[in-house]
Amino acid sequence: MDIAIRRVEPSDYEAIARHIGDPLVFPGTLQLPHPSAEMWRKRLAENTDSDHLLLAHSGDTFLGLAGLHPVAKSPRRSHAMHLGITVSAEWQGRGVGRALMAALLDLADNWLNVFRIELTVFADNARAIALYKRFGFEIEGTHRAYALRDGRYADTYSMARLKPKPGAV
């Protein structure tokens, strides 16, 4: 399978709404079930240059979505961004997450000069945690009862990666 990565376009809103609405995808996010395509149309139309959304695809097949977003408006936090990533259920474990992470980190390290990338991940999402650790993220803390998921409060980990030294792998 050939995985291609490109910037999200406003016309992708319907595919993104279907992806995020997948019952095997949204529980791993902080999104709600049954997302509206119109909400995603508006969100993408209002997307700013400081939000960097990437889409993974193979031909016409939607594989996943990932983004880097400013963590705050304060100039004292301008060195940090928040990372979010989702992979379609049927494509998990097939290199899509790895391709999206590599593209986001290349953008952050080589084009945006981001020093710190932060994320939260459900503590029981072993596959995602392994992916993040493979790319240099470390667990910095646990948020107990962080989010309601399927009627129960779930813990998350706060993870972060600092920009590697030049020449480091």
N, C-alpha and C. Protein backbone atom coordinates (compact mmCIF):
# COMPACT_ATOMS: atom_id res chain seq x y z
N MET A 1 0.84 -1.18 0.00
CA MET A 1 0.00 0.00 0.00
C MET A 1 0.88 1.25 0.00
N ASP A 2 0.55 2.17 -0.85
CA ASP A 2 1.28 3.43 -0.96
C ASP A 2 0.54 4.48 -0.14
N ILE A 3 1.18 5.01 0.89
CA ILE A 3 0.57 6.03 1.76
C ILE A 3 1.08 7.39 1.31
N ALA A 4 0.14 8.27 0.98
CA ALA A 4 0.49 9.65 0.60
C ALA A 4 -0.03 10.59 1.69
N ILE A 5 0.70 11.66 1.92
CA ILE A 5 0.33 12.66 2.92
C ILE A 5 0.17 14.00 2.20
N ARG A 6 -0.89 14.69 2.51
CA ARG A 6 -1.10 16.03 1.95
C ARG A 6 -1.80 16.91 2.98
N ARG A 7 -1.76 18.20 2.74
CA ARG A 7 -2.46 19.15 3.60
C ARG A 7 -3.97 18.97 3.42
N VAL A 8 -4.72 19.09 4.48
CA VAL A 8 -6.18 19.02 4.43
C VAL A 8 -6.70 20.22 3.65
N GLU A 9 -7.69 19.97 2.83
CA GLU A 9 -8.37 21.01 2.06
C GLU A 9 -9.78 21.19 2.62
N PRO A 10 -10.36 22.38 2.50
CA PRO A 10 -11.73 22.58 2.99
C PRO A 10 -12.72 21.56 2.41
N SER A 11 -12.50 21.11 1.19
CA SER A 11 -13.41 20.15 0.57
C SER A 11 -13.34 18.76 1.20
N ASP A 12 -12.42 18.52 2.13
CA ASP A 12 -12.30 17.23 2.81
C ASP A 12 -13.28 17.07 3.97
N TYR A 13 -14.11 18.06 4.21
CA TYR A 13 -14.94 18.06 5.42
C TYR A 13 -15.84 16.84 5.56
N GLU A 14 -16.43 16.35 4.46
CA GLU A 14 -17.33 15.19 4.57
C GLU A 14 -16.55 13.92 4.94
N ALA A 15 -15.39 13.72 4.33
CA ALA A 15 -14.58 12.55 4.65
C ALA A 15 -14.10 12.60 6.10
N ILE A 16 -13.74 13.78 6.57
CA ILE A 16 -13.28 13.92 7.96
C ILE A 16 -14.43 13.65 8.92
N ALA A 17 -15.62 14.17 8.64
CA ALA A 17 -16.78 13.91 9.50
C ALA A 17 -17.08 12.42 9.57
N ARG A 18 -17.01 11.72 8.43
CA ARG A 18 -17.23 10.26 8.44
C ARG A 18 -16.16 9.56 9.27
N HIS A 19 -14.91 9.98 9.09
CA HIS A 19 -13.78 9.37 9.81
C HIS A 19 -13.93 9.57 11.32
N ILE A 20 -14.12 10.80 11.74
CA ILE A 20 -14.24 11.10 13.17
C ILE A 20 -15.49 10.45 13.75
N GLY A 21 -16.53 10.29 12.96
CA GLY A 21 -17.77 9.67 13.44
C GLY A 21 -17.72 8.16 13.53
N ASP A 22 -16.67 7.54 13.06
CA ASP A 22 -16.55 6.08 13.11
C ASP A 22 -16.54 5.64 14.57
N PRO A 23 -17.41 4.71 14.96
CA PRO A 23 -17.46 4.26 16.36
C PRO A 23 -16.17 3.60 16.83
N LEU A 24 -15.29 3.25 15.90
CA LEU A 24 -13.99 2.69 16.28
C LEU A 24 -12.90 3.76 16.34
N VAL A 25 -13.23 4.99 15.96
CA VAL A 25 -12.25 6.09 15.96
C VAL A 25 -12.54 7.11 17.05
N PHE A 26 -13.77 7.65 17.12
CA PHE A 26 -14.00 8.78 18.02
C PHE A 26 -13.79 8.47 19.50
N PRO A 27 -13.97 7.23 19.99
CA PRO A 27 -13.70 7.01 21.42
C PRO A 27 -12.24 7.28 21.81
N GLY A 28 -11.32 7.22 20.86
CA GLY A 28 -9.91 7.50 21.14
C GLY A 28 -9.59 8.98 21.08
N THR A 29 -10.59 9.80 20.81
CA THR A 29 -10.42 11.25 20.71
C THR A 29 -11.28 11.92 21.78
N LEU A 30 -11.27 13.22 21.80
CA LEU A 30 -12.18 13.97 22.67
C LEU A 30 -13.39 14.47 21.90
N GLN A 31 -13.62 13.92 20.70
CA GLN A 31 -14.77 14.28 19.88
C GLN A 31 -16.02 13.56 20.40
N LEU A 32 -17.17 14.07 20.02
CA LEU A 32 -18.43 13.44 20.37
C LEU A 32 -18.91 12.56 19.21
N PRO A 33 -19.76 11.58 19.51
CA PRO A 33 -20.32 10.77 18.42
C PRO A 33 -21.18 11.62 17.49
N HIS A 34 -21.39 11.14 16.30
CA HIS A 34 -22.27 11.76 15.30
C HIS A 34 -21.86 13.18 14.94
N PRO A 35 -20.61 13.37 14.55
CA PRO A 35 -20.20 14.73 14.18
C PRO A 35 -20.93 15.19 12.92
N SER A 36 -21.23 16.43 12.88
CA SER A 36 -21.91 17.01 11.73
C SER A 36 -20.90 17.38 10.65
N ALA A 37 -21.23 17.04 9.43
CA ALA A 37 -20.38 17.45 8.31
C ALA A 37 -20.30 18.97 8.24
N GLU A 38 -21.40 19.64 8.55
CA GLU A 38 -21.42 21.10 8.52
C GLU A 38 -20.47 21.69 9.56
N MET A 39 -20.38 21.08 10.75
CA MET A 39 -19.45 21.55 11.76
C MET A 39 -18.01 21.45 11.24
N TRP A 40 -17.70 20.33 10.58
CA TRP A 40 -16.35 20.17 10.02
C TRP A 40 -16.12 21.13 8.85
N ARG A 41 -17.15 21.41 8.06
CA ARG A 41 -17.00 22.38 6.97
C ARG A 41 -16.62 23.73 7.54
N LYS A 42 -17.33 24.15 8.60
CA LYS A 42 -17.03 25.44 9.23
C LYS A 42 -15.65 25.43 9.87
N ARG A 43 -15.31 24.35 10.55
CA ARG A 43 -14.01 24.27 11.22
C ARG A 43 -12.87 24.38 10.21
N LEU A 44 -12.99 23.70 9.08
CA LEU A 44 -11.94 23.76 8.06
C LEU A 44 -11.91 25.11 7.37
N ALA A 45 -13.07 25.72 7.19
CA ALA A 45 -13.12 27.04 6.56
C ALA A 45 -12.46 28.09 7.45
N GLU A 46 -12.54 27.88 8.77
CA GLU A 46 -11.97 28.83 9.72
C GLU A 46 -10.53 28.46 10.10
N ASN A 47 -10.01 27.39 9.55
CA ASN A 47 -8.66 26.94 9.87
C ASN A 47 -7.67 28.07 9.59
N THR A 48 -6.77 28.28 10.52
CA THR A 48 -5.79 29.36 10.37
C THR A 48 -4.46 28.79 9.89
N ASP A 49 -3.57 29.68 9.50
CA ASP A 49 -2.25 29.26 9.07
C ASP A 49 -1.44 28.67 10.21
N SER A 50 -1.87 28.90 11.45
CA SER A 50 -1.13 28.35 12.58
C SER A 50 -1.56 26.93 12.93
N ASP A 51 -2.66 26.45 12.33
CA ASP A 51 -3.08 25.05 12.47
C ASP A 51 -2.61 24.31 11.23
N HIS A 52 -1.96 23.18 11.45
CA HIS A 52 -1.39 22.41 10.34
C HIS A 52 -2.03 21.03 10.33
N LEU A 53 -3.00 20.83 9.43
CA LEU A 53 -3.73 19.57 9.35
C LEU A 53 -3.26 18.79 8.13
N LEU A 54 -2.91 17.53 8.36
CA LEU A 54 -2.46 16.64 7.29
C LEU A 54 -3.40 15.45 7.17
N LEU A 55 -3.57 14.98 5.96
CA LEU A 55 -4.44 13.85 5.66
C LEU A 55 -3.61 12.76 5.01
N ALA A 56 -3.80 11.52 5.47
CA ALA A 56 -3.14 10.37 4.83
C ALA A 56 -4.17 9.69 3.94
N HIS A 57 -3.71 9.31 2.74
CA HIS A 57 -4.62 8.62 1.82
C HIS A 57 -3.82 7.67 0.95
N SER A 58 -4.55 6.76 0.36
CA SER A 58 -3.99 5.87 -0.66
C SER A 58 -4.97 5.94 -1.81
N GLY A 59 -4.58 6.64 -2.87
CA GLY A 59 -5.54 6.89 -3.95
C GLY A 59 -6.69 7.71 -3.40
N ASP A 60 -7.92 7.21 -3.58
CA ASP A 60 -9.10 7.89 -3.07
C ASP A 60 -9.51 7.42 -1.68
N THR A 61 -8.71 6.54 -1.07
CA THR A 61 -9.06 5.98 0.24
C THR A 61 -8.49 6.85 1.36
N PHE A 62 -9.36 7.33 2.23
CA PHE A 62 -8.99 8.12 3.40
C PHE A 62 -8.40 7.17 4.44
N LEU A 63 -7.20 7.48 4.94
CA LEU A 63 -6.52 6.60 5.90
C LEU A 63 -6.41 7.20 7.29
N GLY A 64 -6.23 8.51 7.39
CA GLY A 64 -6.04 9.11 8.70
C GLY A 64 -5.87 10.61 8.62
N LEU A 65 -5.82 11.21 9.80
CA LEU A 65 -5.78 12.65 9.93
C LEU A 65 -4.86 13.00 11.09
N ALA A 66 -4.09 14.06 10.95
CA ALA A 66 -3.20 14.49 12.03
C ALA A 66 -3.01 15.99 11.95
N GLY A 67 -2.69 16.59 13.10
CA GLY A 67 -2.49 18.03 13.09
C GLY A 67 -1.61 18.53 14.20
N LEU A 68 -1.05 19.68 13.95
CA LEU A 68 -0.31 20.44 14.95
C LEU A 68 -1.07 21.75 15.16
N HIS A 69 -1.25 22.12 16.44
CA HIS A 69 -2.04 23.30 16.78
C HIS A 69 -1.33 24.08 17.88
N PRO A 70 -1.38 25.40 17.83
CA PRO A 70 -0.79 26.18 18.91
C PRO A 70 -1.41 25.79 20.25
N VAL A 71 -0.61 25.75 21.30
CA VAL A 71 -1.15 25.38 22.61
C VAL A 71 -1.75 26.58 23.33
N ALA A 72 -1.32 27.79 22.98
CA ALA A 72 -1.82 28.98 23.67
C ALA A 72 -1.53 30.22 22.81
N LYS A 73 -2.19 31.30 23.15
CA LYS A 73 -1.93 32.57 22.46
C LYS A 73 -0.75 33.32 23.05
N SER A 74 -0.33 32.94 24.23
CA SER A 74 0.77 33.64 24.89
C SER A 74 2.07 33.47 24.11
N PRO A 75 2.78 34.56 23.86
CA PRO A 75 4.07 34.43 23.17
C PRO A 75 5.07 33.59 23.94
N ARG A 76 4.87 33.45 25.25
CA ARG A 76 5.79 32.65 26.06
C ARG A 76 5.59 31.16 25.82
N ARG A 77 4.50 30.78 25.11
CA ARG A 77 4.26 29.37 24.76
C ARG A 77 4.33 29.16 23.25
N SER A 78 4.88 30.13 22.53
CA SER A 78 4.93 30.03 21.07
C SER A 78 5.86 28.93 20.57
N HIS A 79 6.71 28.40 21.44
CA HIS A 79 7.64 27.33 21.06
C HIS A 79 6.98 25.95 21.10
N ALA A 80 5.72 25.89 21.57
CA ALA A 80 5.06 24.60 21.77
C ALA A 80 3.82 24.47 20.90
N MET A 81 3.54 23.23 20.49
CA MET A 81 2.33 22.92 19.74
C MET A 81 1.73 21.64 20.30
N HIS A 82 0.42 21.50 20.08
CA HIS A 82 -0.29 20.30 20.49
C HIS A 82 -0.48 19.41 19.26
N LEU A 83 -0.29 18.13 19.42
CA LEU A 83 -0.43 17.17 18.32
C LEU A 83 -1.67 16.32 18.53
N GLY A 84 -2.41 16.09 17.46
CA GLY A 84 -3.54 15.18 17.46
C GLY A 84 -3.44 14.28 16.24
N ILE A 85 -3.84 13.03 16.39
CA ILE A 85 -3.74 12.09 15.27
C ILE A 85 -4.81 11.01 15.41
N THR A 86 -5.42 10.65 14.29
CA THR A 86 -6.36 9.53 14.24
C THR A 86 -6.10 8.73 12.97
N VAL A 87 -6.27 7.44 13.07
CA VAL A 87 -6.10 6.55 11.91
C VAL A 87 -7.38 5.74 11.78
N SER A 88 -7.88 5.62 10.55
CA SER A 88 -9.08 4.81 10.31
C SER A 88 -8.87 3.41 10.86
N ALA A 89 -9.91 2.86 11.48
CA ALA A 89 -9.81 1.58 12.18
C ALA A 89 -9.21 0.48 11.31
N GLU A 90 -9.66 0.38 10.07
CA GLU A 90 -9.18 -0.71 9.21
C GLU A 90 -7.74 -0.52 8.74
N TRP A 91 -7.16 0.66 8.99
CA TRP A 91 -5.78 0.93 8.56
C TRP A 91 -4.80 1.02 9.72
N GLN A 92 -5.29 0.81 10.93
CA GLN A 92 -4.39 0.86 12.09
C GLN A 92 -3.42 -0.30 12.05
N GLY A 93 -2.19 -0.05 12.47
CA GLY A 93 -1.15 -1.08 12.47
C GLY A 93 -0.54 -1.34 11.12
N ARG A 94 -0.79 -0.45 10.14
CA ARG A 94 -0.30 -0.66 8.78
C ARG A 94 0.61 0.48 8.30
N GLY A 95 1.15 1.25 9.24
CA GLY A 95 2.12 2.28 8.88
C GLY A 95 1.55 3.67 8.67
N VAL A 96 0.24 3.82 8.77
CA VAL A 96 -0.38 5.14 8.53
C VAL A 96 0.01 6.11 9.64
N GLY A 97 -0.11 5.69 10.89
CA GLY A 97 0.26 6.56 12.01
C GLY A 97 1.72 6.96 11.94
N ARG A 98 2.57 6.01 11.58
CA ARG A 98 4.00 6.28 11.45
C ARG A 98 4.25 7.32 10.35
N ALA A 99 3.56 7.19 9.23
CA ALA A 99 3.73 8.15 8.12
C ALA A 99 3.24 9.55 8.52
N LEU A 100 2.09 9.62 9.19
CA LEU A 100 1.58 10.92 9.64
C LEU A 100 2.51 11.55 10.67
N MET A 101 3.00 10.75 11.63
CA MET A 101 3.91 11.29 12.65
C MET A 101 5.19 11.80 12.00
N ALA A 102 5.75 11.05 11.08
CA ALA A 102 6.99 11.48 10.42
C ALA A 102 6.77 12.81 9.69
N ALA A 103 5.64 12.94 9.02
CA ALA A 103 5.35 14.18 8.29
C ALA A 103 5.16 15.35 9.24
N LEU A 104 4.43 15.14 10.34
CA LEU A 104 4.22 16.22 11.31
C LEU A 104 5.53 16.64 11.96
N LEU A 105 6.35 15.68 12.34
CA LEU A 105 7.61 16.01 13.01
C LEU A 105 8.60 16.67 12.07
N ASP A 106 8.59 16.28 10.80
CA ASP A 106 9.42 16.97 9.81
C ASP A 106 8.98 18.43 9.71
N LEU A 107 7.68 18.65 9.64
CA LEU A 107 7.15 20.01 9.57
C LEU A 107 7.55 20.81 10.82
N ALA A 108 7.36 20.21 11.99
CA ALA A 108 7.66 20.90 13.25
C ALA A 108 9.14 21.21 13.39
N ASP A 109 9.99 20.23 13.09
CA ASP A 109 11.44 20.39 13.31
C ASP A 109 12.14 21.20 12.24
N ASN A 110 11.73 21.04 11.00
CA ASN A 110 12.49 21.62 9.89
C ASN A 110 11.87 22.84 9.24
N TRP A 111 10.61 23.11 9.55
CA TRP A 111 9.94 24.22 8.88
C TRP A 111 9.28 25.19 9.84
N LEU A 112 8.87 24.72 11.00
CA LEU A 112 8.18 25.60 11.95
C LEU A 112 9.03 25.95 13.16
N ASN A 113 10.13 25.26 13.36
CA ASN A 113 11.02 25.49 14.49
C ASN A 113 10.29 25.35 15.83
N VAL A 114 9.45 24.33 15.92
CA VAL A 114 8.74 24.02 17.16
C VAL A 114 9.71 23.28 18.08
N PHE A 115 9.83 23.73 19.32
CA PHE A 115 10.75 23.09 20.26
C PHE A 115 10.07 21.99 21.07
N ARG A 116 8.79 22.18 21.41
CA ARG A 116 8.08 21.23 22.26
C ARG A 116 6.75 20.85 21.61
N ILE A 117 6.49 19.56 21.53
CA ILE A 117 5.21 19.06 21.02
C ILE A 117 4.55 18.27 22.15
N GLU A 118 3.30 18.64 22.43
CA GLU A 118 2.55 18.03 23.53
C GLU A 118 1.35 17.26 22.97
N LEU A 119 0.92 16.26 23.74
CA LEU A 119 -0.29 15.52 23.38
C LEU A 119 -0.86 14.87 24.62
N THR A 120 -2.12 14.49 24.53
CA THR A 120 -2.73 13.65 25.55
C THR A 120 -3.21 12.39 24.85
N VAL A 121 -3.13 11.27 25.56
CA VAL A 121 -3.52 9.99 24.99
C VAL A 121 -4.18 9.18 26.10
N PHE A 122 -5.25 8.47 25.76
CA PHE A 122 -5.89 7.63 26.76
C PHE A 122 -4.88 6.60 27.25
N ALA A 123 -4.82 6.42 28.57
CA ALA A 123 -3.81 5.57 29.19
C ALA A 123 -3.91 4.11 28.76
N ASP A 124 -5.06 3.69 28.25
CA ASP A 124 -5.21 2.30 27.80
C ASP A 124 -4.96 2.12 26.30
N ASN A 125 -4.49 3.16 25.62
CA ASN A 125 -4.25 3.08 24.18
C ASN A 125 -2.78 2.70 23.94
N ALA A 126 -2.47 1.43 24.18
CA ALA A 126 -1.09 0.95 24.11
C ALA A 126 -0.47 1.15 22.73
N ARG A 127 -1.24 0.95 21.69
CA ARG A 127 -0.70 1.10 20.32
C ARG A 127 -0.25 2.53 20.07
N ALA A 128 -1.08 3.50 20.45
CA ALA A 128 -0.71 4.91 20.24
C ALA A 128 0.48 5.29 21.11
N ILE A 129 0.48 4.85 22.35
CA ILE A 129 1.59 5.18 23.25
C ILE A 129 2.90 4.63 22.70
N ALA A 130 2.88 3.42 22.17
CA ALA A 130 4.09 2.84 21.57
C ALA A 130 4.55 3.67 20.37
N LEU A 131 3.61 4.12 19.55
CA LEU A 131 3.97 4.96 18.40
C LEU A 131 4.63 6.25 18.88
N TYR A 132 4.02 6.90 19.86
CA TYR A 132 4.57 8.16 20.35
C TYR A 132 5.96 7.97 20.94
N LYS A 133 6.15 6.92 21.72
CA LYS A 133 7.47 6.65 22.30
C LYS A 133 8.50 6.39 21.21
N ARG A 134 8.11 5.72 20.14
CA ARG A 134 9.01 5.45 19.02
C ARG A 134 9.52 6.75 18.40
N PHE A 135 8.72 7.80 18.51
CA PHE A 135 9.10 9.10 17.95
C PHE A 135 9.66 10.05 19.00
N GLY A 136 10.02 9.54 20.16
CA GLY A 136 10.71 10.34 21.17
C GLY A 136 9.82 11.02 22.20
N PHE A 137 8.53 10.74 22.21
CA PHE A 137 7.65 11.32 23.23
C PHE A 137 7.84 10.57 24.54
N GLU A 138 7.72 11.30 25.63
CA GLU A 138 7.82 10.72 26.96
C GLU A 138 6.58 11.06 27.77
N ILE A 139 6.18 10.14 28.63
CA ILE A 139 5.05 10.40 29.52
C ILE A 139 5.52 11.36 30.60
N GLU A 140 4.81 12.47 30.75
CA GLU A 140 5.15 13.47 31.76
C GLU A 140 4.21 13.43 32.96
N GLY A 141 3.06 12.82 32.79
CA GLY A 141 2.12 12.76 33.90
C GLY A 141 0.84 12.05 33.52
N THR A 142 0.03 11.78 34.52
CA THR A 142 -1.26 11.13 34.34
C THR A 142 -2.37 12.08 34.76
N HIS A 143 -3.37 12.21 33.91
CA HIS A 143 -4.57 12.97 34.24
C HIS A 143 -5.64 11.95 34.62
N ARG A 144 -5.96 11.87 35.88
CA ARG A 144 -6.95 10.91 36.34
C ARG A 144 -8.35 11.41 36.02
N ALA A 145 -9.21 10.48 35.58
CA ALA A 145 -10.61 10.81 35.24
C ALA A 145 -10.67 12.03 34.32
N TYR A 146 -9.83 12.05 33.31
CA TYR A 146 -9.66 13.21 32.42
C TYR A 146 -10.87 13.45 31.53
N ALA A 147 -11.44 12.36 30.98
CA ALA A 147 -12.52 12.53 30.01
C ALA A 147 -13.56 11.42 30.17
N LEU A 148 -14.79 11.78 29.91
CA LEU A 148 -15.87 10.81 29.91
C LEU A 148 -15.83 10.05 28.58
N ARG A 149 -15.75 8.74 28.66
CA ARG A 149 -15.71 7.91 27.46
C ARG A 149 -16.62 6.71 27.69
N ASP A 150 -17.67 6.63 26.90
CA ASP A 150 -18.62 5.51 26.97
C ASP A 150 -19.18 5.34 28.39
N GLY A 151 -19.51 6.46 29.02
CA GLY A 151 -20.15 6.43 30.33
C GLY A 151 -19.21 6.27 31.52
N ARG A 152 -17.91 6.21 31.28
CA ARG A 152 -16.94 6.07 32.37
C ARG A 152 -15.85 7.11 32.21
N TYR A 153 -15.31 7.54 33.35
CA TYR A 153 -14.19 8.47 33.29
C TYR A 153 -12.91 7.70 33.02
N ALA A 154 -12.13 8.21 32.09
CA ALA A 154 -10.90 7.53 31.67
C ALA A 154 -9.69 8.42 31.95
N ASP A 155 -8.60 7.77 32.30
CA ASP A 155 -7.34 8.48 32.52
C ASP A 155 -6.64 8.72 31.19
N THR A 156 -5.85 9.78 31.17
CA THR A 156 -4.98 10.02 30.01
C THR A 156 -3.57 10.28 30.51
N TYR A 157 -2.63 10.11 29.60
CA TYR A 157 -1.25 10.51 29.86
C TYR A 157 -1.00 11.82 29.14
N SER A 158 -0.23 12.66 29.76
CA SER A 158 0.32 13.83 29.11
C SER A 158 1.70 13.41 28.62
N MET A 159 1.92 13.57 27.33
CA MET A 159 3.21 13.20 26.74
C MET A 159 3.77 14.40 25.99
N ALA A 160 5.07 14.45 25.90
CA ALA A 160 5.71 15.54 25.16
C ALA A 160 7.03 15.06 24.57
N ARG A 161 7.44 15.79 23.55
CA ARG A 161 8.72 15.53 22.88
C ARG A 161 9.38 16.89 22.70
N LEU A 162 10.64 16.97 23.09
CA LEU A 162 11.44 18.16 22.83
C LEU A 162 12.21 17.95 21.55
N LYS A 163 12.42 19.04 20.83
CA LYS A 163 13.12 18.95 19.55
C LYS A 163 14.50 18.34 19.77
N PRO A 164 14.82 17.30 18.99
CA PRO A 164 16.16 16.69 19.12
C PRO A 164 17.26 17.67 18.73
N LYS A 165 18.43 17.42 19.23
CA LYS A 165 19.58 18.23 18.85
C LYS A 165 19.85 18.03 17.37
N PRO A 166 20.37 19.04 16.69
CA PRO A 166 20.67 18.88 15.27
C PRO A 166 21.55 17.65 15.02
N GLY A 167 21.16 16.88 14.02
CA GLY A 167 21.91 15.68 13.67
C GLY A 167 21.50 14.45 14.45
N ALA A 168 20.69 14.62 15.51
CA ALA A 168 20.25 13.46 16.30
C ALA A 168 19.11 12.77 15.57
N VAL A 169 19.02 11.48 15.74
CA VAL A 169 17.92 10.72 15.10
C VAL A 169 16.83 10.45 16.10
